[in-house]
C-alpha atoms as a PDB file:
ATOM      1  CA  MET A   1     123.242 107.239 142.873  1.00  0.00           C
ATOM      2  CA  ALA A   2     121.499 109.848 140.789  1.00  0.00           C
ATOM      3  CA  THR A   3     120.165 108.675 137.448  1.00  0.00           C
ATOM      4  CA  SER A   4     119.663 110.636 134.248  1.00  0.00           C
ATOM      5  CA  ARG A   5     116.244 111.412 132.807  1.00  0.00           C
ATOM      6  CA  THR A   6     116.722 108.703 130.153  1.00  0.00           C
ATOM      7  CA  GLU A   7     117.358 106.066 132.884  1.00  0.00           C
ATOM      8  CA  ARG A   8     114.321 106.961 134.998  1.00  0.00           C
ATOM      9  CA  GLU A   9     110.714 106.012 134.384  1.00  0.00           C
ATOM     10  CA  PRO A  10     109.121 107.938 131.502  1.00  0.00           C
ATOM     11  CA  GLY A  11     107.817 111.321 132.548  1.00  0.00           C
ATOM     12  CA  PRO A  12     107.089 114.728 131.065  1.00  0.00           C
ATOM     13  CA  VAL A  13     109.308 115.540 128.088  1.00  0.00           C
ATOM     14  CA  PRO A  14     111.907 118.113 129.220  1.00  0.00           C
ATOM     15  CA  THR A  15     111.708 121.523 127.593  1.00  0.00           C
ATOM     16  CA  ILE A  16     114.050 124.383 126.908  1.00  0.00           C
ATOM     17  CA  TYR A  17     112.663 126.050 130.048  1.00  0.00           C
ATOM     18  CA  ASP A  18     113.745 123.105 132.205  1.00  0.00           C
ATOM     19  CA  VAL A  19     117.293 123.385 130.877  1.00  0.00           C
ATOM     20  CA  ALA A  20     117.328 127.148 131.400  1.00  0.00           C
ATOM     21  CA  ARG A  21     116.088 126.790 134.992  1.00  0.00           C
ATOM     22  CA  GLU A  22     118.719 124.139 135.816  1.00  0.00           C
ATOM     23  CA  CYS A  23     121.520 126.288 134.359  1.00  0.00           C
ATOM     24  CA  GLY A  24     120.300 129.608 135.725  1.00  0.00           C
ATOM     25  CA  VAL A  25     120.146 131.222 132.273  1.00  0.00           C
ATOM     26  CA  SER A  26     117.374 132.489 130.029  1.00  0.00           C
ATOM     27  CA  PRO A  27     115.587 130.207 127.500  1.00  0.00           C
ATOM     28  CA  SER A  28     116.943 132.379 124.664  1.00  0.00           C
ATOM     29  CA  THR A  29     120.503 131.643 125.842  1.00  0.00           C
ATOM     30  CA  VAL A  30     119.760 127.915 125.707  1.00  0.00           C
ATOM     31  CA  SER A  31     118.349 128.343 122.209  1.00  0.00           C
ATOM     32  CA  ARG A  32     121.473 130.211 121.043  1.00  0.00           C
ATOM     33  CA  ALA A  33     123.731 127.552 122.559  1.00  0.00           C
ATOM     34  CA  PHE A  34     122.277 125.033 120.093  1.00  0.00           C
ATOM     35  CA  SER A  35     121.430 127.162 117.058  1.00  0.00           C
ATOM     36  CA  ARG A  36     124.168 129.826 117.189  1.00  0.00           C
ATOM     37  CA  PRO A  37     126.878 128.568 119.560  1.00  0.00           C
ATOM     38  CA  GLY A  38     129.258 131.355 118.547  1.00  0.00           C
ATOM     39  CA  ARG A  39     127.016 133.845 120.362  1.00  0.00           C
ATOM     40  CA  VAL A  40     127.354 132.058 123.737  1.00  0.00           C
ATOM     41  CA  SER A  41     130.556 131.737 125.766  1.00  0.00           C
ATOM     42  CA  PRO A  42     132.190 128.304 125.383  1.00  0.00           C
ATOM     43  CA  LEU A  43     131.899 127.601 129.139  1.00  0.00           C
ATOM     44  CA  THR A  44     128.174 128.446 129.206  1.00  0.00           C
ATOM     45  CA  ALA A  45     127.480 126.486 126.033  1.00  0.00           C
ATOM     46  CA  GLU A  46     129.257 123.419 127.444  1.00  0.00           C
ATOM     47  CA  ARG A  47     127.293 123.655 130.703  1.00  0.00           C
ATOM     48  CA  ILE A  48     123.971 124.008 128.835  1.00  0.00           C
ATOM     49  CA  LYS A  49     124.664 121.013 126.605  1.00  0.00           C
ATOM     50  CA  ALA A  50     125.743 118.863 129.555  1.00  0.00           C
ATOM     51  CA  THR A  51     122.566 119.792 131.427  1.00  0.00           C
ATOM     52  CA  ALA A  52     120.422 119.079 128.374  1.00  0.00           C
ATOM     53  CA  GLU A  53     122.022 115.665 128.035  1.00  0.00           C
ATOM     54  CA  ARG A  54     121.459 114.874 131.688  1.00  0.00           C
ATOM     55  CA  LEU A  55     117.779 115.912 131.508  1.00  0.00           C
ATOM     56  CA  GLY A  56     117.193 114.122 128.194  1.00  0.00           C
ATOM     57  CA  TYR A  57     116.320 117.332 126.348  1.00  0.00           C
ATOM     58  CA  ARG A  58     116.449 117.136 122.566  1.00  0.00           C
ATOM     59  CA  THR A  59     116.271 120.120 120.231  1.00  0.00           C
ATOM     60  CA  ASN A  60     113.595 120.253 117.523  1.00  0.00           C
ATOM     61  CA  PRO A  61     115.534 120.280 114.246  1.00  0.00           C
ATOM     62  CA  ILE A  62     112.479 121.294 112.215  1.00  0.00           C
ATOM     63  CA  ALA A  63     111.738 124.276 114.426  1.00  0.00           C
ATOM     64  CA  ARG A  64     115.390 125.341 114.291  1.00  0.00           C
ATOM     65  CA  ALA A  65     115.409 124.993 110.524  1.00  0.00           C
ATOM     66  CA  LEU A  66     112.270 127.089 110.143  1.00  0.00           C
ATOM     67  CA  VAL A  67     113.757 129.871 112.259  1.00  0.00           C
ATOM     68  CA  ALA A  68     116.868 129.821 110.084  1.00  0.00           C
ATOM     69  CA  ALA A  69     114.768 129.516 106.877  1.00  0.00           C
ATOM     70  CA  ARG A  70     116.900 126.486 105.938  1.00  0.00           C
ATOM     71  CA  THR A  71     115.087 123.158 106.016  1.00  0.00           C
ATOM     72  CA  ALA A  72     117.079 121.234 103.373  1.00  0.00           C
ATOM     73  CA  VAL A  73     113.710 120.108 101.999  1.00  0.00           C
ATOM     74  CA  ILE A  74     112.322 120.686  98.505  1.00  0.00           C
ATOM     75  CA  GLY A  75     108.743 120.128  97.401  1.00  0.00           C
ATOM     76  CA  VAL A  76     107.771 118.175  94.288  1.00  0.00           C
ATOM     77  CA  VAL A  77     104.147 118.700  93.236  1.00  0.00           C
ATOM     78  CA  VAL A  78     102.575 116.228  90.768  1.00  0.00           C
ATOM     79  CA  SER A  79      99.140 116.288  89.174  1.00  0.00           C
ATOM     80  CA  ASP A  80      98.275 112.608  89.740  1.00  0.00           C
ATOM     81  CA  ILE A  81     100.443 110.202  91.726  1.00  0.00           C
ATOM     82  CA  THR A  82      98.621 107.203  90.214  1.00  0.00           C
ATOM     83  CA  ASN A  83      99.851 108.113  86.720  1.00  0.00           C
ATOM     84  CA  PRO A  84     102.890 105.893  86.047  1.00  0.00           C
ATOM     85  CA  VAL A  85     104.548 108.704  84.077  1.00  0.00           C
ATOM     86  CA  TYR A  86     105.567 110.115  87.465  1.00  0.00           C
ATOM     87  CA  PHE A  87     107.364 106.974  88.682  1.00  0.00           C
ATOM     88  CA  SER A  88     110.631 107.764  86.906  1.00  0.00           C
ATOM     89  CA  ILE A  89     110.238 111.533  87.298  1.00  0.00           C
ATOM     90  CA  ILE A  90     109.945 111.178  91.079  1.00  0.00           C
ATOM     91  CA  ARG A  91     112.847 108.747  91.223  1.00  0.00           C
ATOM     92  CA  GLY A  92     115.065 111.136  89.232  1.00  0.00           C
ATOM     93  CA  ALA A  93     114.024 114.076  91.410  1.00  0.00           C
ATOM     94  CA  GLU A  94     114.642 112.160  94.644  1.00  0.00           C
ATOM     95  CA  GLN A  95     118.075 110.998  93.544  1.00  0.00           C
ATOM     96  CA  ALA A  96     119.148 114.507  92.539  1.00  0.00           C
ATOM     97  CA  ALA A  97     117.795 115.929  95.802  1.00  0.00           C
ATOM     98  CA  SER A  98     119.656 113.323  97.868  1.00  0.00           C
ATOM     99  CA  ASP A  99     122.880 113.940  95.962  1.00  0.00           C
ATOM    100  CA  ALA A 100     122.567 117.637  96.818  1.00  0.00           C
ATOM    101  CA  GLY A 101     121.869 116.971 100.508  1.00  0.00           C
ATOM    102  CA  PHE A 102     118.125 117.680 100.370  1.00  0.00           C
ATOM    103  CA  SER A 103     115.065 115.676 101.383  1.00  0.00           C
ATOM    104  CA  MET A 104     111.922 115.683  99.234  1.00  0.00           C
ATOM    105  CA  LEU A 105     108.310 116.438 100.144  1.00  0.00           C
ATOM    106  CA  LEU A 106     105.834 114.998  97.605  1.00  0.00           C
ATOM    107  CA  CYS A 107     102.364 116.489  96.985  1.00  0.00           C
ATOM    108  CA  ASP A 108      99.624 114.891  94.835  1.00  0.00           C
ATOM    109  CA  THR A 109      97.053 117.435  93.603  1.00  0.00           C
ATOM    110  CA  ARG A 110      94.642 115.030  91.838  1.00  0.00           C
ATOM    111  CA  GLU A 111      94.403 117.119  88.656  1.00  0.00           C
ATOM    112  CA  SER A 112      92.929 120.043  90.616  1.00  0.00           C
ATOM    113  CA  ALA A 113      94.344 123.585  90.408  1.00  0.00           C
ATOM    114  CA  ARG A 114      92.545 124.458  93.667  1.00  0.00           C
ATOM    115  CA  THR A 115      94.056 121.480  95.507  1.00  0.00           C
ATOM    116  CA  GLU A 116      97.458 122.314  94.050  1.00  0.00           C
ATOM    117  CA  ARG A 117      97.369 125.877  95.360  1.00  0.00           C
ATOM    118  CA  ALA A 118      96.178 124.747  98.800  1.00  0.00           C
ATOM    119  CA  ASP A 119      98.905 122.100  99.064  1.00  0.00           C
ATOM    120  CA  ILE A 120     101.566 124.605  98.043  1.00  0.00           C
ATOM    121  CA  ASN A 121     100.402 127.147 100.610  1.00  0.00           C
ATOM    122  CA  ARG A 122     100.731 124.488 103.324  1.00  0.00           C
ATOM    123  CA  ALA A 123     104.123 123.342 102.058  1.00  0.00           C
ATOM    124  CA  LEU A 124     105.760 126.758 101.613  1.00  0.00           C
ATOM    125  CA  PRO A 125     106.880 127.159 105.264  1.00  0.00           C
ATOM    126  CA  LEU A 126     108.529 123.722 105.137  1.00  0.00           C
ATOM    127  CA  VAL A 127     110.438 123.795 101.847  1.00  0.00           C
ATOM    128  CA  GLU A 128     113.226 125.859 100.306  1.00  0.00           C
ATOM    129  CA  GLY A 129     111.865 125.530  96.766  1.00  0.00           C
ATOM    130  CA  LEU A 130     109.315 123.776  94.559  1.00  0.00           C
ATOM    131  CA  VAL A 131     109.241 121.643  91.425  1.00  0.00           C
ATOM    132  CA  LEU A 132     105.790 121.888  89.818  1.00  0.00           C
ATOM    133  CA  ALA A 133     105.235 118.884  87.540  1.00  0.00           C
ATOM    134  CA  SER A 134     102.448 119.343  84.965  1.00  0.00           C
ATOM    135  CA  SER A 135     100.891 122.139  86.999  1.00  0.00           C
ATOM    136  CA  ARG A 136      97.203 122.902  86.371  1.00  0.00           C
ATOM    137  CA  MET A 137      97.453 126.431  87.811  1.00  0.00           C
ATOM    138  CA  SER A 138      97.492 129.549  85.652  1.00  0.00           C
ATOM    139  CA  ASP A 139     100.749 131.175  84.547  1.00  0.00           C
ATOM    140  CA  ALA A 140      99.964 134.200  86.715  1.00  0.00           C
ATOM    141  CA  THR A 141      99.509 132.037  89.816  1.00  0.00           C
ATOM    142  CA  ILE A 142     102.770 130.184  89.175  1.00  0.00           C
ATOM    143  CA  ARG A 143     104.642 133.480  88.766  1.00  0.00           C
ATOM    144  CA  THR A 144     103.176 134.698  92.068  1.00  0.00           C
ATOM    145  CA  ILE A 145     104.493 131.593  93.834  1.00  0.00           C
ATOM    146  CA  ALA A 146     107.884 131.937  92.104  1.00  0.00           C
ATOM    147  CA  ALA A 147     108.148 135.446  93.547  1.00  0.00           C
ATOM    148  CA  ARG A 148     107.963 133.915  97.062  1.00  0.00           C
ATOM    149  CA  THR A 149     110.257 130.895  96.687  1.00  0.00           C
ATOM    150  CA  PRO A 150     112.516 129.288  94.057  1.00  0.00           C
ATOM    151  CA  VAL A 151     110.409 127.370  91.492  1.00  0.00           C
ATOM    152  CA  VAL A 152     111.117 125.131  88.508  1.00  0.00           C
ATOM    153  CA  VAL A 153     108.186 124.074  86.324  1.00  0.00           C
ATOM    154  CA  LEU A 154     108.273 120.634  84.730  1.00  0.00           C
ATOM    155  CA  ASN A 155     106.461 119.646  81.496  1.00  0.00           C
ATOM    156  CA  ARG A 156     105.329 123.209  80.898  1.00  0.00           C
ATOM    157  CA  ALA A 157     106.842 126.499  79.755  1.00  0.00           C
ATOM    158  CA  VAL A 158     105.893 129.511  81.890  1.00  0.00           C
ATOM    159  CA  PRO A 159     107.271 132.939  80.886  1.00  0.00           C
ATOM    160  CA  ALA A 160     109.696 134.391  83.470  1.00  0.00           C
ATOM    161  CA  VAL A 161     109.852 131.100  85.426  1.00  0.00           C
ATOM    162  CA  ALA A 162     112.504 128.400  85.074  1.00  0.00           C
ATOM    163  CA  SER A 163     111.078 125.434  83.141  1.00  0.00           C
ATOM    164  CA  VAL A 164     112.191 122.011  81.900  1.00  0.00           C
ATOM    165  CA  VAL A 165     110.220 120.276  79.137  1.00  0.00           C
ATOM    166  CA  THR A 166     110.331 117.319  76.774  1.00  0.00           C
ATOM    167  CA  ASP A 167     110.777 118.111  73.081  1.00  0.00           C
ATOM    168  CA  ASN A 168     107.044 117.561  72.503  1.00  0.00           C
ATOM    169  CA  ALA A 169     107.065 118.976  68.980  1.00  0.00           C
ATOM    170  CA  ARG A 170     109.850 116.734  67.713  1.00  0.00           C
ATOM    171  CA  GLY A 171     108.391 113.679  69.418  1.00  0.00           C
ATOM    172  CA  MET A 172     104.961 114.204  67.885  1.00  0.00           C
ATOM    173  CA  ARG A 173     106.488 114.886  64.475  1.00  0.00           C
ATOM    174  CA  ARG A 174     108.250 111.526  64.609  1.00  0.00           C
ATOM    175  CA  ALA A 175     104.947 109.821  65.496  1.00  0.00           C
ATOM    176  CA  VAL A 176     103.180 111.482  62.569  1.00  0.00           C
ATOM    177  CA  GLU A 177     106.032 110.619  60.194  1.00  0.00           C
ATOM    178  CA  HIS A 178     105.943 106.986  61.368  1.00  0.00           C
ATOM    179  CA  LEU A 179     102.228 106.695  60.645  1.00  0.00           C
ATOM    180  CA  GLY A 180     102.688 108.405  57.272  1.00  0.00           C
ATOM    181  CA  GLU A 181     105.459 105.991  56.331  1.00  0.00           C
ATOM    182  CA  LEU A 182     103.100 103.099  57.120  1.00  0.00           C
ATOM    183  CA  GLY A 183     100.563 104.534  54.666  1.00  0.00           C
ATOM    184  CA  HIS A 184      98.014 106.226  56.918  1.00  0.00           C
ATOM    185  CA  THR A 185      96.344 109.348  55.535  1.00  0.00           C
ATOM    186  CA  THR A 186      94.135 110.364  58.491  1.00  0.00           C
ATOM    187  CA  ILE A 187      95.185 110.788  62.127  1.00  0.00           C
ATOM    188  CA  THR A 188      92.916 111.429  65.094  1.00  0.00           C
ATOM    189  CA  TYR A 189      94.462 113.078  68.133  1.00  0.00           C
ATOM    190  CA  VAL A 190      92.893 111.998  71.432  1.00  0.00           C
ATOM    191  CA  ALA A 191      93.253 115.119  73.568  1.00  0.00           C
ATOM    192  CA  GLY A 192      94.086 115.300  77.266  1.00  0.00           C
ATOM    193  CA  PRO A 193      93.116 117.971  79.831  1.00  0.00           C
ATOM    194  CA  GLN A 194      92.385 121.437  78.486  1.00  0.00           C
ATOM    195  CA  ALA A 195      94.493 122.934  81.293  1.00  0.00           C
ATOM    196  CA  SER A 196      97.566 120.981  80.167  1.00  0.00           C
ATOM    197  CA  TRP A 197     100.208 123.061  78.381  1.00  0.00           C
ATOM    198  CA  ALA A 198     101.694 119.909  76.828  1.00  0.00           C
ATOM    199  CA  ASN A 199      98.305 118.947  75.407  1.00  0.00           C
ATOM    200  CA  GLY A 200      98.181 122.116  73.301  1.00  0.00           C
ATOM    201  CA  VAL A 201     101.782 121.745  72.133  1.00  0.00           C
ATOM    202  CA  ARG A 202     101.256 118.109  71.107  1.00  0.00           C
ATOM    203  CA  TRP A 203      98.077 118.846  69.160  1.00  0.00           C
ATOM    204  CA  ARG A 204      99.721 121.701  67.252  1.00  0.00           C
ATOM    205  CA  ALA A 205     102.651 119.427  66.394  1.00  0.00           C
ATOM    206  CA  VAL A 206     100.253 116.781  65.037  1.00  0.00           C
ATOM    207  CA  GLN A 207      98.525 119.403  62.902  1.00  0.00           C
ATOM    208  CA  GLU A 208     101.776 120.814  61.520  1.00  0.00           C
ATOM    209  CA  GLY A 209     103.241 117.378  60.814  1.00  0.00           C
ATOM    210  CA  ALA A 210     100.101 116.195  59.073  1.00  0.00           C
ATOM    211  CA  LEU A 211      99.940 119.358  56.952  1.00  0.00           C
ATOM    212  CA  GLU A 212     103.518 118.952  55.738  1.00  0.00           C
ATOM    213  CA  LEU A 213     102.946 115.296  54.871  1.00  0.00           C
ATOM    214  CA  GLU A 214      99.576 116.003  53.197  1.00  0.00           C
ATOM    215  CA  MET A 215      97.681 113.986  55.779  1.00  0.00           C
ATOM    216  CA  ARG A 216      94.429 114.861  57.530  1.00  0.00           C
ATOM    217  CA  ALA A 217      94.447 115.517  61.281  1.00  0.00           C
ATOM    218  CA  ARG A 218      91.457 115.871  63.548  1.00  0.00           C
ATOM    219  CA  ARG A 219      90.945 116.000  67.278  1.00  0.00           C
ATOM    220  CA  THR A 220      88.566 114.383  69.747  1.00  0.00           C
ATOM    221  CA  GLY A 221      88.217 115.236  73.412  1.00  0.00           C
ATOM    222  CA  PRO A 222      89.331 116.528  75.865  1.00  0.00           C
ATOM    223  CA  TYR A 223      89.424 113.416  78.021  1.00  0.00           C
ATOM    224  CA  SER A 224      90.740 112.642  81.463  1.00  0.00           C
ATOM    225  CA  PRO A 225      94.379 111.470  81.037  1.00  0.00           C
ATOM    226  CA  THR A 226      93.512 108.028  82.417  1.00  0.00           C
ATOM    227  CA  VAL A 227      92.606 104.550  81.187  1.00  0.00           C
ATOM    228  CA  LEU A 228      88.928 105.371  81.813  1.00  0.00           C
ATOM    229  CA  GLY A 229      89.319 108.455  79.641  1.00  0.00           C
ATOM    230  CA  GLY A 230      90.721 106.258  76.882  1.00  0.00           C
ATOM    231  CA  LEU A 231      87.775 103.861  77.151  1.00  0.00           C
ATOM    232  CA  SER A 232      85.423 106.796  76.537  1.00  0.00           C
ATOM    233  CA  ALA A 233      87.546 107.983  73.623  1.00  0.00           C
ATOM    234  CA  ALA A 234      87.465 104.536  71.971  1.00  0.00           C
ATOM    235  CA  ARG A 235      83.688 104.644  71.574  1.00  0.00           C
ATOM    236  CA  ASP A 236      83.882 108.164  70.116  1.00  0.00           C
ATOM    237  CA  LEU A 237      86.562 107.047  67.643  1.00  0.00           C
ATOM    238  CA  LEU A 238      84.172 104.480  66.161  1.00  0.00           C
ATOM    239  CA  ALA A 239      81.628 107.214  65.440  1.00  0.00           C
ATOM    240  CA  LYS A 240      84.159 108.957  63.148  1.00  0.00           C
ATOM    241  CA  PRO A 241      86.279 106.185  61.603  1.00  0.00           C
ATOM    242  CA  THR A 242      90.030 106.658  61.414  1.00  0.00           C
ATOM    243  CA  THR A 243      92.937 104.319  60.776  1.00  0.00           C
ATOM    244  CA  ALA A 244      95.434 105.930  63.171  1.00  0.00           C
ATOM    245  CA  VAL A 245      95.275 107.456  66.632  1.00  0.00           C
ATOM    246  CA  ILE A 246      97.824 109.471  68.608  1.00  0.00           C
ATOM    247  CA  ALA A 247      96.860 109.907  72.256  1.00  0.00           C
ATOM    248  CA  TYR A 248      97.919 112.676  74.637  1.00  0.00           C
ATOM    249  CA  ASN A 249      99.579 110.144  76.942  1.00  0.00           C
ATOM    250  CA  ASP A 250     100.097 106.416  77.417  1.00  0.00           C
ATOM    251  CA  LEU A 251      97.232 105.934  79.868  1.00  0.00           C
ATOM    252  CA  LEU A 252      94.759 107.355  77.353  1.00  0.00           C
ATOM    253  CA  ALA A 253      96.291 105.183  74.628  1.00  0.00           C
ATOM    254  CA  ILE A 254      96.029 102.037  76.774  1.00  0.00           C
ATOM    255  CA  GLY A 255      92.385 102.882  77.487  1.00  0.00           C
ATOM    256  CA  VAL A 256      91.812 103.244  73.743  1.00  0.00           C
ATOM    257  CA  LEU A 257      93.387  99.812  73.174  1.00  0.00           C
ATOM    258  CA  ARG A 258      91.053  98.267  75.743  1.00  0.00           C
ATOM    259  CA  GLY A 259      87.995 100.052  74.381  1.00  0.00           C
ATOM    260  CA  LEU A 260      88.706  99.023  70.802  1.00  0.00           C
ATOM    261  CA  ALA A 261      89.217  95.397  71.888  1.00  0.00           C
ATOM    262  CA  ARG A 262      85.902  95.569  73.770  1.00  0.00           C
ATOM    263  CA  ASP A 263      84.148  96.672  70.564  1.00  0.00           C
ATOM    264  CA  GLY A 264      85.834  94.121  68.340  1.00  0.00           C
ATOM    265  CA  VAL A 265      88.353  96.399  66.601  1.00  0.00           C
ATOM    266  CA  ALA A 266      91.717  94.722  65.962  1.00  0.00           C
ATOM    267  CA  VAL A 267      94.828  96.777  66.750  1.00  0.00           C
ATOM    268  CA  PRO A 268      96.904  97.317  64.676  1.00  0.00           C
ATOM    269  CA  ALA A 269      95.154  95.431  61.807  1.00  0.00           C
ATOM    270  CA  GLN A 270      92.179  97.823  61.730  1.00  0.00           C
ATOM    271  CA  MET A 271      93.509 100.814  63.691  1.00  0.00           C
ATOM    272  CA  SER A 272      96.988 101.903  64.812  1.00  0.00           C
ATOM    273  CA  VAL A 273      97.487 103.529  68.213  1.00  0.00           C
ATOM    274  CA  VAL A 274     100.396 105.678  69.475  1.00  0.00           C
ATOM    275  CA  GLY A 275     100.905 106.989  73.007  1.00  0.00           C
ATOM    276  CA  PHE A 276     103.241 109.526  74.597  1.00  0.00           C
ATOM    277  CA  ASP A 277     105.704 109.259  77.529  1.00  0.00           C
ATOM    278  CA  ASN A 278     106.837 105.602  77.404  1.00  0.00           C
ATOM    279  CA  SER A 279     105.657 105.356  80.987  1.00  0.00           C
ATOM    280  CA  PHE A 280     105.731 102.234  83.126  1.00  0.00           C
ATOM    281  CA  GLY A 281     103.368  99.599  81.690  1.00  0.00           C
ATOM    282  CA  SER A 282     103.323 100.792  78.079  1.00  0.00           C
ATOM    283  CA  ASP A 283     105.169  97.646  77.027  1.00  0.00           C
ATOM    284  CA  PHE A 284     103.024  95.335  79.208  1.00  0.00           C
ATOM    285  CA  CYS A 285      99.703  95.876  77.424  1.00  0.00           C
ATOM    286  CA  THR A 286      98.472  93.824  74.456  1.00  0.00           C
ATOM    287  CA  PRO A 287      99.495  94.759  71.870  1.00  0.00           C
ATOM    288  CA  SER A 288     102.533  96.554  73.318  1.00  0.00           C
ATOM    289  CA  LEU A 289     102.253 100.282  72.765  1.00  0.00           C
ATOM    290  CA  THR A 290     104.152 102.312  70.207  1.00  0.00           C
ATOM    291  CA  THR A 291     104.902 105.564  72.035  1.00  0.00           C
ATOM    292  CA  VAL A 292     107.015 108.707  72.148  1.00  0.00           C
ATOM    293  CA  ALA A 293     109.581 108.190  74.910  1.00  0.00           C
ATOM    294  CA  ALA A 294     110.096 111.194  77.172  1.00  0.00           C
ATOM    295  CA  PRO A 295     113.326 111.259  79.257  1.00  0.00           C
ATOM    296  CA  LEU A 296     111.345 110.964  82.486  1.00  0.00           C
ATOM    297  CA  HIS A 297     114.182 110.259  84.945  1.00  0.00           C
ATOM    298  CA  ALA A 298     116.290 113.045  83.430  1.00  0.00           C
ATOM    299  CA  LEU A 299     113.354 115.479  83.599  1.00  0.00           C
ATOM    300  CA  GLY A 300     112.992 114.971  87.358  1.00  0.00           C
ATOM    301  CA  ALA A 301     116.736 115.114  87.994  1.00  0.00           C
ATOM    302  CA  THR A 302     117.299 118.207  85.827  1.00  0.00           C
ATOM    303  CA  ALA A 303     114.435 120.118  87.440  1.00  0.00           C
ATOM    304  CA  VAL A 304     115.801 119.461  90.953  1.00  0.00           C
ATOM    305  CA  GLN A 305     119.359 120.350  89.922  1.00  0.00           C
ATOM    306  CA  GLN A 306     118.137 123.692  88.574  1.00  0.00           C
ATOM    307  CA  LEU A 307     116.091 124.263  91.725  1.00  0.00           C
ATOM    308  CA  VAL A 308     119.040 123.556  94.035  1.00  0.00           C
ATOM    309  CA  SER A 309     121.144 126.022  92.027  1.00  0.00           C
ATOM    310  CA  GLN A 310     118.490 128.690  92.634  1.00  0.00           C
ATOM    311  CA  ILE A 311     118.324 127.884  96.345  1.00  0.00           C
ATOM    312  CA  LYS A 312     122.089 128.343  96.553  1.00  0.00           C
ATOM    313  CA  GLY A 313     121.842 131.776  94.941  1.00  0.00           C
ATOM    314  CA  ALA A 314     122.168 131.232  91.185  1.00  0.00           C
ATOM    315  CA  PRO A 315     119.742 133.237  89.025  1.00  0.00           C
ATOM    316  CA  PRO A 316     116.954 131.096  87.519  1.00  0.00           C
ATOM    317  CA  HIS A 317     117.171 130.154  83.826  1.00  0.00           C
ATOM    318  CA  THR A 318     114.074 131.967  82.576  1.00  0.00           C
ATOM    319  CA  ALA A 319     115.044 133.085  79.075  1.00  0.00           C
ATOM    320  CA  ALA A 320     113.814 129.827  77.539  1.00  0.00           C
ATOM    321  CA  PRO A 321     112.792 126.426  78.903  1.00  0.00           C
ATOM    322  CA  GLY A 322     115.370 123.671  79.047  1.00  0.00           C
ATOM    323  CA  VAL A 323     114.380 121.124  76.390  1.00  0.00           C
ATOM    324  CA  LEU A 324     115.254 117.431  76.733  1.00  0.00           C
ATOM    325  CA  PRO A 325     115.051 115.092  73.701  1.00  0.00           C
ATOM    326  CA  ALA A 326     112.247 112.648  72.921  1.00  0.00           C
ATOM    327  CA  GLN A 327     112.358 109.614  70.675  1.00  0.00           C
ATOM    328  CA  LEU A 328     109.841 107.270  69.077  1.00  0.00           C
ATOM    329  CA  VAL A 329     109.687 103.686  70.377  1.00  0.00           C
ATOM    330  CA  VAL A 330     107.986 101.434  67.811  1.00  0.00           C
ATOM    331  CA  ARG A 331     106.213  98.378  69.242  1.00  0.00           C
ATOM    332  CA  GLU A 332     103.212  96.272  68.191  1.00  0.00           C
ATOM    333  CA  SER A 333     100.317  98.762  68.169  1.00  0.00           C
ATOM    334  CA  THR A 334     101.107 100.336  64.770  1.00  0.00           C
ATOM    335  CA  ALA A 335     100.986  98.807  61.286  1.00  0.00           C
ATOM    336  CA  PRO A 336      99.917  99.739  57.743  1.00  0.00           C
ATOM    337  CA  PRO A 337      96.228 100.707  57.420  1.00  0.00           C
ATOM    338  CA  PRO A 338      93.708  98.060  56.339  1.00  0.00           C
ATOM    339  CA  ARG A 339      93.136  97.577  52.612  1.00  0.00           C
ATOM    340  CA  ARG A 340      89.847  98.820  51.212  1.00  0.00           C
ATOM    341  CA  SER A 341      88.660  95.221  50.897  1.00  0.00           C
ATOM    342  CA  ASP A 342      89.240  94.570  54.609  1.00  0.00           C
ATOM    343  CA  PRO A 343      86.246  94.671  56.994  1.00  0.00           C
ATOM    344  CA  ALA A 344      85.480  98.126  58.399  1.00  0.00           C
ATOM    345  CA  PRO A 345      85.530  98.647  62.175  1.00  0.00           C
ATOM    346  CA  PRO A 346      82.145  98.018  63.817  1.00  0.00           C
ATOM    347  CA  GLN A 347      79.974 101.021  64.625  1.00  0.00           C
ATOM    348  CA  PRO A 348      79.018 101.934  68.207  1.00  0.00           C
ATOM    349  CA  GLY A 349      76.239  99.717  69.506  1.00  0.00           C
ATOM    350  CA  SER A 350      76.624  97.133  66.742  1.00  0.00           C
END
């Protein structure tokens, strides 16, 4: 009794040419029978599919999708996968993509604009659109990519490109107001990457809030948006004493906490520290971190929902970025400033 290919010993994988030869038709007819069955007679299509089944031939769904320019895959590009701020963003994006019938391709660019552009160029043939989270590329480069495929930018406003951002200004204002209410008169902003759009917005909000409340605001940095960056910032903070710090993000703030503890500075008794994002781990450190909570899950979900709408033909929302609310979460790392009679923080090297 004859056996099918799948029942025999493993051999060469059957191809479209094998099916065509068995059926006495051209390879293009076999291809149409699977990808565009309406263009092949029902009898021929049935014979081709029966032959393919008997030979064990399987179509390549990726190749078919690329030919049709429909892969049901979207790309999400993040600046640093090790940053816990992306945990909830990615989860929100993945859930929204799944709900819409899409799979998600994730790219980590390691804070490099060059790596980001290279990854995107490789991903473009595979995806139907891109979410760029905290992109380090220039506005002009992002607009060039958006001219080739649907794009939504996350955590950054790019003119003429759909964007979704946290209300950075309001969040930073609440942090400044909180420190002012505690009695602080000087705030030092620990800056993140110069290429970060959010970094500039947050610093301006600190300046404006401090000016209105008759406080002094100064800036140190830029630093890498990591715990190691915060450790470096902590030593610099001791060279120019301050009673309150607002960091670009939670990782920097946690690094500052560790650096101050290393140098014998008590937080919050001698210095208050505020972060931004309310990312995973901000409530695990000691003391737990007061921070501005960004709606991370909603940011990822909203960006993908807007992207899917573009893919399905809706015009992108480019008039103004979509702004999601932020709120202050007060924990243990902030308190009133030390009294004048209290010991001053130690100086570097002491």
